Each structure stands twice: as structure tokens, then as C-alpha cells.
Amino acid sequence: GGVAIQFGNTDINMNGVLIGNNDATVGGGLYCNGTDNSVFFENSLGVASILNNRATTNGGGVYATQGCRFTSYVGGLLQGIILNSAAENGGGIYASFDAQINLQGHRWCFTFMGSFMCLGNNDNPVNLLSNKADSDNDNNGVGGGVYATGTNTKVTVTNAVVDGNTAFHGGVRAFDF
């Protein structure tokens, strides 16, 4: 895949980054595994997308598991989590085993180390567009946009456009087991 974060204590901040045209078994664009790992995806410095990635099983765009935290503030024309595919579940995002997914389409300001900073914007919602689960068309794919599973897995979506996602069962789907 495009970016992999596994185990350790890793925090990655991406601003104005394109993760595109990657292939993997899981997490075609981004793979994140571990409770001490987080990925922050933002576009205040330019165009940012997780675009046209493919997984032969789960998580075409993003695969987050084992407590990984993924936050995206990315929205705007052709920006966001777009046109990703998974042969099984979670064309856009696959979240499992305590993963924390935050899609925030608003501006967030804070003070960090004495400096005032703002992330995101109030003009463009977060985009989760035209992702596909069951890309191999075997009638065994769930959650074209998002697939979430596990009792402590959490997906929070604020001010977003979730549109055109397809799957054999549900454009967005959550399971608790």
C-alpha cells in the first residue's frame, strides 16, 4: 500500500499529501495498526486525497485496527477519501478492534506549544465519495464508504458529504460483535 504504520508509538501528520494508485492486501492507501499510533490528515497547505487505492481484501482507502486513531479534515473539490476499492469490506475505510475514526468537516483552533493554530476549514465538508466494497463482484462486500466492526470501534462524522459509495450490502455499515 501507500503508507503503513504498525506497532510502536507513531503519530503522523500529513498536510497537502496525495496517497494514490496503491495496491495492498489490506489498506491500499493507508494501513494503521496499534493503540499508540495515529494519523492526522489535513489540507490547509494544499490538495490532499486518499484516491484510487485498492485492497484485495479490506480497506481500499484506509485500514485502521487495534486502536489506531485516524482523523481527516480533508474536503474540497476532488479532495478526501475518493474512488478507493476493496474486494471485501470497507471500500473507503475499514475500522476494527478499537479503531477510532474521526471525519471532521469544520475548523478546529487550539494553542500548541504557545502558538495559536487552526486546522480544517468551515467552507468544505469532509468528502467520502464513490468508494466501492465488493470490487470483485462476488456478492460478499459490505460498507462501500465505511465498514466498522468491534465493540469499541468508533466512527465520528461531522459536516461531511458521504455520497456514491457502493457495496453488495450497504454504502456505510457497522457491526458490533
C-alpha atoms as a PDB file:
ATOM      1  CA  GLY A   1       0.000   0.000   0.000  1.00  0.00           C
ATOM      2  CA  GLY A   2       0.850   3.670   0.175  1.00  0.00           C
ATOM      3  CA  VAL A   3       1.597   4.301   3.872  1.00  0.00           C
ATOM      4  CA  ALA A   4       1.911   1.732   6.687  1.00  0.00           C
ATOM      5  CA  ILE A   5       2.116   2.430  10.422  1.00  0.00           C
ATOM      6  CA  GLN A   6       2.483  -0.637  12.602  1.00  0.00           C
ATOM      7  CA  PHE A   7       3.097  -1.081  16.327  1.00  0.00           C
ATOM      8  CA  GLY A   8       5.434   1.312  18.145  1.00  0.00           C
ATOM      9  CA  ASN A   9       4.338   4.789  19.176  1.00  0.00           C
ATOM     10  CA  THR A  10       3.944   6.649  15.909  1.00  0.00           C
ATOM     11  CA  ASP A  11       1.995   9.807  15.155  1.00  0.00           C
ATOM     12  CA  ILE A  12       1.934  11.010  11.557  1.00  0.00           C
ATOM     13  CA  ASN A  13       0.633  14.414  10.487  1.00  0.00           C
ATOM     14  CA  MET A  14       0.020  14.749   6.744  1.00  0.00           C
ATOM     15  CA  ASN A  15      -0.873  18.076   5.199  1.00  0.00           C
ATOM     16  CA  GLY A  16      -1.336  18.537   1.450  1.00  0.00           C
ATOM     17  CA  VAL A  17      -0.494  14.894   0.716  1.00  0.00           C
ATOM     18  CA  LEU A  18      -1.862  12.704  -2.085  1.00  0.00           C
ATOM     19  CA  ILE A  19      -1.906   8.963  -1.394  1.00  0.00           C
ATOM     20  CA  GLY A  20      -2.970   7.495  -4.698  1.00  0.00           C
ATOM     21  CA  ASN A  21      -2.923   4.492  -7.030  1.00  0.00           C
ATOM     22  CA  ASN A  22      -1.568   1.990  -4.494  1.00  0.00           C
ATOM     23  CA  ASP A  23      -2.359  -1.715  -4.062  1.00  0.00           C
ATOM     24  CA  ALA A  24      -2.216  -3.954  -0.967  1.00  0.00           C
ATOM     25  CA  THR A  25      -3.905  -6.947   0.608  1.00  0.00           C
ATOM     26  CA  VAL A  26      -5.330  -4.647   3.345  1.00  0.00           C
ATOM     27  CA  GLY A  27      -5.188  -0.851   3.450  1.00  0.00           C
ATOM     28  CA  GLY A  28      -4.487   0.021  -0.162  1.00  0.00           C
ATOM     29  CA  GLY A  29      -3.838   3.692   0.646  1.00  0.00           C
ATOM     30  CA  LEU A  30      -3.143   3.694   4.390  1.00  0.00           C
ATOM     31  CA  TYR A  31      -2.623   0.880   6.903  1.00  0.00           C
ATOM     32  CA  CYS A  32      -2.539   1.738  10.616  1.00  0.00           C
ATOM     33  CA  ASN A  33      -2.236  -0.869  13.388  1.00  0.00           C
ATOM     34  CA  GLY A  34      -1.781  -0.178  17.112  1.00  0.00           C
ATOM     35  CA  THR A  35      -3.183   1.773  20.046  1.00  0.00           C
ATOM     36  CA  ASP A  36      -0.216   4.138  20.211  1.00  0.00           C
ATOM     37  CA  ASN A  37      -0.451   5.081  16.534  1.00  0.00           C
ATOM     38  CA  SER A  38      -2.344   7.948  14.948  1.00  0.00           C
ATOM     39  CA  VAL A  39      -2.685   9.587  11.553  1.00  0.00           C
ATOM     40  CA  PHE A  40      -3.853  13.160  11.095  1.00  0.00           C
ATOM     41  CA  PHE A  41      -4.800  14.076   7.500  1.00  0.00           C
ATOM     42  CA  GLU A  42      -5.309  17.738   6.590  1.00  0.00           C
ATOM     43  CA  ASN A  43      -5.285  20.064   3.562  1.00  0.00           C
ATOM     44  CA  SER A  44      -4.586  23.615   4.746  1.00  0.00           C
ATOM     45  CA  LEU A  45      -1.294  23.583   2.767  1.00  0.00           C
ATOM     46  CA  GLY A  46      -2.781  22.269  -0.484  1.00  0.00           C
ATOM     47  CA  VAL A  47      -4.652  19.439  -2.157  1.00  0.00           C
ATOM     48  CA  ALA A  48      -4.920  16.237  -0.114  1.00  0.00           C
ATOM     49  CA  SER A  49      -6.596  12.971  -1.045  1.00  0.00           C
ATOM     50  CA  ILE A  50      -6.610   9.265  -0.468  1.00  0.00           C
ATOM     51  CA  LEU A  51      -7.523   8.489  -4.050  1.00  0.00           C
ATOM     52  CA  ASN A  52      -7.943   5.408  -6.244  1.00  0.00           C
ATOM     53  CA  ASN A  53      -6.262   2.843  -3.985  1.00  0.00           C
ATOM     54  CA  ARG A  54      -7.131  -0.854  -3.991  1.00  0.00           C
ATOM     55  CA  ALA A  55      -7.157  -3.681  -1.410  1.00  0.00           C
ATOM     56  CA  THR A  56      -7.564  -7.325  -2.355  1.00  0.00           C
ATOM     57  CA  THR A  57      -9.431  -7.875   0.939  1.00  0.00           C
ATOM     58  CA  ASN A  58     -10.408  -4.974   3.268  1.00  0.00           C
ATOM     59  CA  GLY A  59      -9.880  -1.207   3.425  1.00  0.00           C
ATOM     60  CA  GLY A  60      -9.314   0.143  -0.066  1.00  0.00           C
ATOM     61  CA  GLY A  61      -8.531   3.676   1.141  1.00  0.00           C
ATOM     62  CA  VAL A  62      -7.865   3.319   4.888  1.00  0.00           C
ATOM     63  CA  TYR A  63      -7.474   0.242   7.111  1.00  0.00           C
ATOM     64  CA  ALA A  64      -7.352   1.118  10.823  1.00  0.00           C
ATOM     65  CA  THR A  65      -7.195  -1.557  13.531  1.00  0.00           C
ATOM     66  CA  GLN A  66      -6.081  -2.372  17.086  1.00  0.00           C
ATOM     67  CA  GLY A  67      -6.861   1.105  18.445  1.00  0.00           C
ATOM     68  CA  CYS A  68      -5.274   3.204  15.689  1.00  0.00           C
ATOM     69  CA  ARG A  69      -6.652   6.752  15.520  1.00  0.00           C
ATOM     70  CA  PHE A  70      -7.338   8.267  12.078  1.00  0.00           C
ATOM     71  CA  THR A  71      -8.573  11.854  11.722  1.00  0.00           C
ATOM     72  CA  SER A  72      -9.329  13.638   8.454  1.00  0.00           C
ATOM     73  CA  TYR A  73     -10.216  17.298   7.948  1.00  0.00           C
ATOM     74  CA  VAL A  74      -9.955  16.972   4.157  1.00  0.00           C
ATOM     75  CA  GLY A  75     -12.692  18.338   1.932  1.00  0.00           C
ATOM     76  CA  GLY A  76     -12.989  20.404  -1.213  1.00  0.00           C
ATOM     77  CA  LEU A  77     -13.111  19.685  -4.935  1.00  0.00           C
ATOM     78  CA  LEU A  78     -11.666  16.205  -5.584  1.00  0.00           C
ATOM     79  CA  GLN A  79     -10.227  16.052  -2.082  1.00  0.00           C
ATOM     80  CA  GLY A  80     -10.946  13.484   0.606  1.00  0.00           C
ATOM     81  CA  ILE A  81     -11.303   9.706   0.530  1.00  0.00           C
ATOM     82  CA  ILE A  82     -12.382   9.107  -3.051  1.00  0.00           C
ATOM     83  CA  LEU A  83     -12.615   6.265  -5.612  1.00  0.00           C
ATOM     84  CA  ASN A  84     -10.981   3.572  -3.468  1.00  0.00           C
ATOM     85  CA  SER A  85     -11.998  -0.083  -3.678  1.00  0.00           C
ATOM     86  CA  ALA A  86     -11.805  -3.270  -1.631  1.00  0.00           C
ATOM     87  CA  ALA A  87     -12.652  -6.757  -2.839  1.00  0.00           C
ATOM     88  CA  GLU A  88     -14.345  -7.452   0.502  1.00  0.00           C
ATOM     89  CA  ASN A  89     -15.305  -4.764   3.080  1.00  0.00           C
ATOM     90  CA  GLY A  90     -14.729  -1.032   3.543  1.00  0.00           C
ATOM     91  CA  GLY A  91     -14.048   0.434   0.134  1.00  0.00           C
ATOM     92  CA  GLY A  92     -13.220   3.837   1.646  1.00  0.00           C
ATOM     93  CA  ILE A  93     -12.489   2.978   5.300  1.00  0.00           C
ATOM     94  CA  TYR A  94     -12.261  -0.298   7.212  1.00  0.00           C
ATOM     95  CA  ALA A  95     -12.170   0.115  11.011  1.00  0.00           C
ATOM     96  CA  SER A  96     -11.870  -2.721  13.536  1.00  0.00           C
ATOM     97  CA  PHE A  97     -10.726  -3.695  17.038  1.00  0.00           C
ATOM     98  CA  ASP A  98     -10.941  -0.360  18.889  1.00  0.00           C
ATOM     99  CA  ALA A  99     -10.010   1.850  15.910  1.00  0.00           C
ATOM    100  CA  GLN A 100     -11.064   5.497  16.254  1.00  0.00           C
ATOM    101  CA  ILE A 101     -12.114   7.227  13.018  1.00  0.00           C
ATOM    102  CA  ASN A 102     -12.856  10.969  13.007  1.00  0.00           C
ATOM    103  CA  LEU A 103     -14.052  12.731   9.853  1.00  0.00           C
ATOM    104  CA  GLN A 104     -14.326  16.400  10.792  1.00  0.00           C
ATOM    105  CA  GLY A 105     -15.573  18.938   8.254  1.00  0.00           C
ATOM    106  CA  HIS A 106     -15.074  22.058  10.315  1.00  0.00           C
ATOM    107  CA  ARG A 107     -12.330  24.373  11.533  1.00  0.00           C
ATOM    108  CA  TRP A 108     -10.644  23.490  14.819  1.00  0.00           C
ATOM    109  CA  CYS A 109      -8.386  26.030  16.534  1.00  0.00           C
ATOM    110  CA  PHE A 110      -6.120  25.462  19.521  1.00  0.00           C
ATOM    111  CA  THR A 111      -2.918  26.571  21.203  1.00  0.00           C
ATOM    112  CA  PHE A 112       0.082  24.283  20.778  1.00  0.00           C
ATOM    113  CA  MET A 113       3.416  24.996  22.448  1.00  0.00           C
ATOM    114  CA  GLY A 114       2.487  28.658  22.821  1.00  0.00           C
ATOM    115  CA  SER A 115       1.334  29.099  19.204  1.00  0.00           C
ATOM    116  CA  PHE A 116      -2.247  29.523  18.052  1.00  0.00           C
ATOM    117  CA  MET A 117      -3.106  27.073  15.235  1.00  0.00           C
ATOM    118  CA  CYS A 118      -6.163  26.161  13.165  1.00  0.00           C
ATOM    119  CA  LEU A 119      -6.835  23.004  11.184  1.00  0.00           C
ATOM    120  CA  GLY A 120      -9.546  22.250   8.671  1.00  0.00           C
ATOM    121  CA  ASN A 121     -11.926  24.847   7.301  1.00  0.00           C
ATOM    122  CA  ASN A 122     -15.542  25.855   7.547  1.00  0.00           C
ATOM    123  CA  ASP A 123     -16.053  26.094   3.773  1.00  0.00           C
ATOM    124  CA  ASN A 124     -15.704  22.461   2.674  1.00  0.00           C
ATOM    125  CA  PRO A 125     -17.112  19.352   4.338  1.00  0.00           C
ATOM    126  CA  VAL A 126     -15.068  16.163   4.579  1.00  0.00           C
ATOM    127  CA  ASN A 127     -15.588  14.014   1.483  1.00  0.00           C
ATOM    128  CA  LEU A 128     -16.145  10.252   1.414  1.00  0.00           C
ATOM    129  CA  LEU A 129     -17.078   9.737  -2.232  1.00  0.00           C
ATOM    130  CA  SER A 130     -17.524   6.939  -4.775  1.00  0.00           C
ATOM    131  CA  ASN A 131     -15.709   4.194  -2.887  1.00  0.00           C
ATOM    132  CA  LYS A 132     -16.591   0.553  -3.518  1.00  0.00           C
ATOM    133  CA  ALA A 133     -16.663  -2.633  -1.445  1.00  0.00           C
ATOM    134  CA  ASP A 134     -17.097  -5.983  -3.249  1.00  0.00           C
ATOM    135  CA  SER A 135     -14.966  -4.747  -6.137  1.00  0.00           C
ATOM    136  CA  ASP A 136     -14.560  -8.361  -7.315  1.00  0.00           C
ATOM    137  CA  ASN A 137     -18.385  -8.596  -7.633  1.00  0.00           C
ATOM    138  CA  ASP A 138     -18.697 -11.902  -5.762  1.00  0.00           C
ATOM    139  CA  ASN A 139     -21.630 -10.548  -3.689  1.00  0.00           C
ATOM    140  CA  ASN A 140     -19.563 -10.597  -0.497  1.00  0.00           C
ATOM    141  CA  GLY A 141     -18.736  -6.955   0.239  1.00  0.00           C
ATOM    142  CA  VAL A 142     -20.091  -4.631   2.919  1.00  0.00           C
ATOM    143  CA  GLY A 143     -19.687  -0.877   3.528  1.00  0.00           C
ATOM    144  CA  GLY A 144     -18.688   0.913   0.353  1.00  0.00           C
ATOM    145  CA  GLY A 145     -17.886   4.103   2.268  1.00  0.00           C
ATOM    146  CA  VAL A 146     -17.183   2.794   5.772  1.00  0.00           C
ATOM    147  CA  TYR A 147     -17.155  -0.649   7.374  1.00  0.00           C
ATOM    148  CA  ALA A 148     -16.809  -0.577  11.176  1.00  0.00           C
ATOM    149  CA  THR A 149     -16.711  -3.629  13.424  1.00  0.00           C
ATOM    150  CA  GLY A 150     -15.946  -4.375  17.080  1.00  0.00           C
ATOM    151  CA  THR A 151     -17.474  -3.224  20.358  1.00  0.00           C
ATOM    152  CA  ASN A 152     -15.033  -0.354  20.968  1.00  0.00           C
ATOM    153  CA  THR A 153     -14.540   0.773  17.381  1.00  0.00           C
ATOM    154  CA  LYS A 154     -15.782   4.331  16.975  1.00  0.00           C
ATOM    155  CA  VAL A 155     -16.572   6.362  13.854  1.00  0.00           C
ATOM    156  CA  THR A 156     -17.427  10.056  14.276  1.00  0.00           C
ATOM    157  CA  VAL A 157     -18.544  12.078  11.255  1.00  0.00           C
ATOM    158  CA  THR A 158     -19.238  15.820  11.419  1.00  0.00           C
ATOM    159  CA  ASN A 159     -20.126  18.023   8.426  1.00  0.00           C
ATOM    160  CA  ALA A 160     -19.406  15.503   5.670  1.00  0.00           C
ATOM    161  CA  VAL A 161     -20.505  14.502   2.199  1.00  0.00           C
ATOM    162  CA  VAL A 162     -20.912  10.726   2.032  1.00  0.00           C
ATOM    163  CA  ASP A 163     -22.110  10.008  -1.491  1.00  0.00           C
ATOM    164  CA  GLY A 164     -21.885   7.485  -4.301  1.00  0.00           C
ATOM    165  CA  ASN A 165     -20.355   4.699  -2.189  1.00  0.00           C
ATOM    166  CA  THR A 166     -21.412   1.188  -3.252  1.00  0.00           C
ATOM    167  CA  ALA A 167     -21.296  -2.356  -1.909  1.00  0.00           C
ATOM    168  CA  PHE A 168     -23.258  -5.582  -2.103  1.00  0.00           C
ATOM    169  CA  HIS A 169     -24.604  -4.700   1.393  1.00  0.00           C
ATOM    170  CA  GLY A 170     -24.724  -1.032   2.397  1.00  0.00           C
ATOM    171  CA  GLY A 171     -22.814   2.064   1.410  1.00  0.00           C
ATOM    172  CA  VAL A 172     -21.939   2.612   5.091  1.00  0.00           C
ATOM    173  CA  ARG A 173     -22.207  -0.291   7.527  1.00  0.00           C
ATOM    174  CA  ALA A 174     -21.368  -1.008  11.179  1.00  0.00           C
ATOM    175  CA  PHE A 175     -21.306  -4.319  13.025  1.00  0.00           C
ATOM    176  CA  ASP A 176     -20.943  -4.858  16.754  1.00  0.00           C
ATOM    177  CA  PHE A 177     -19.535  -8.242  17.718  1.00  0.00           C
END
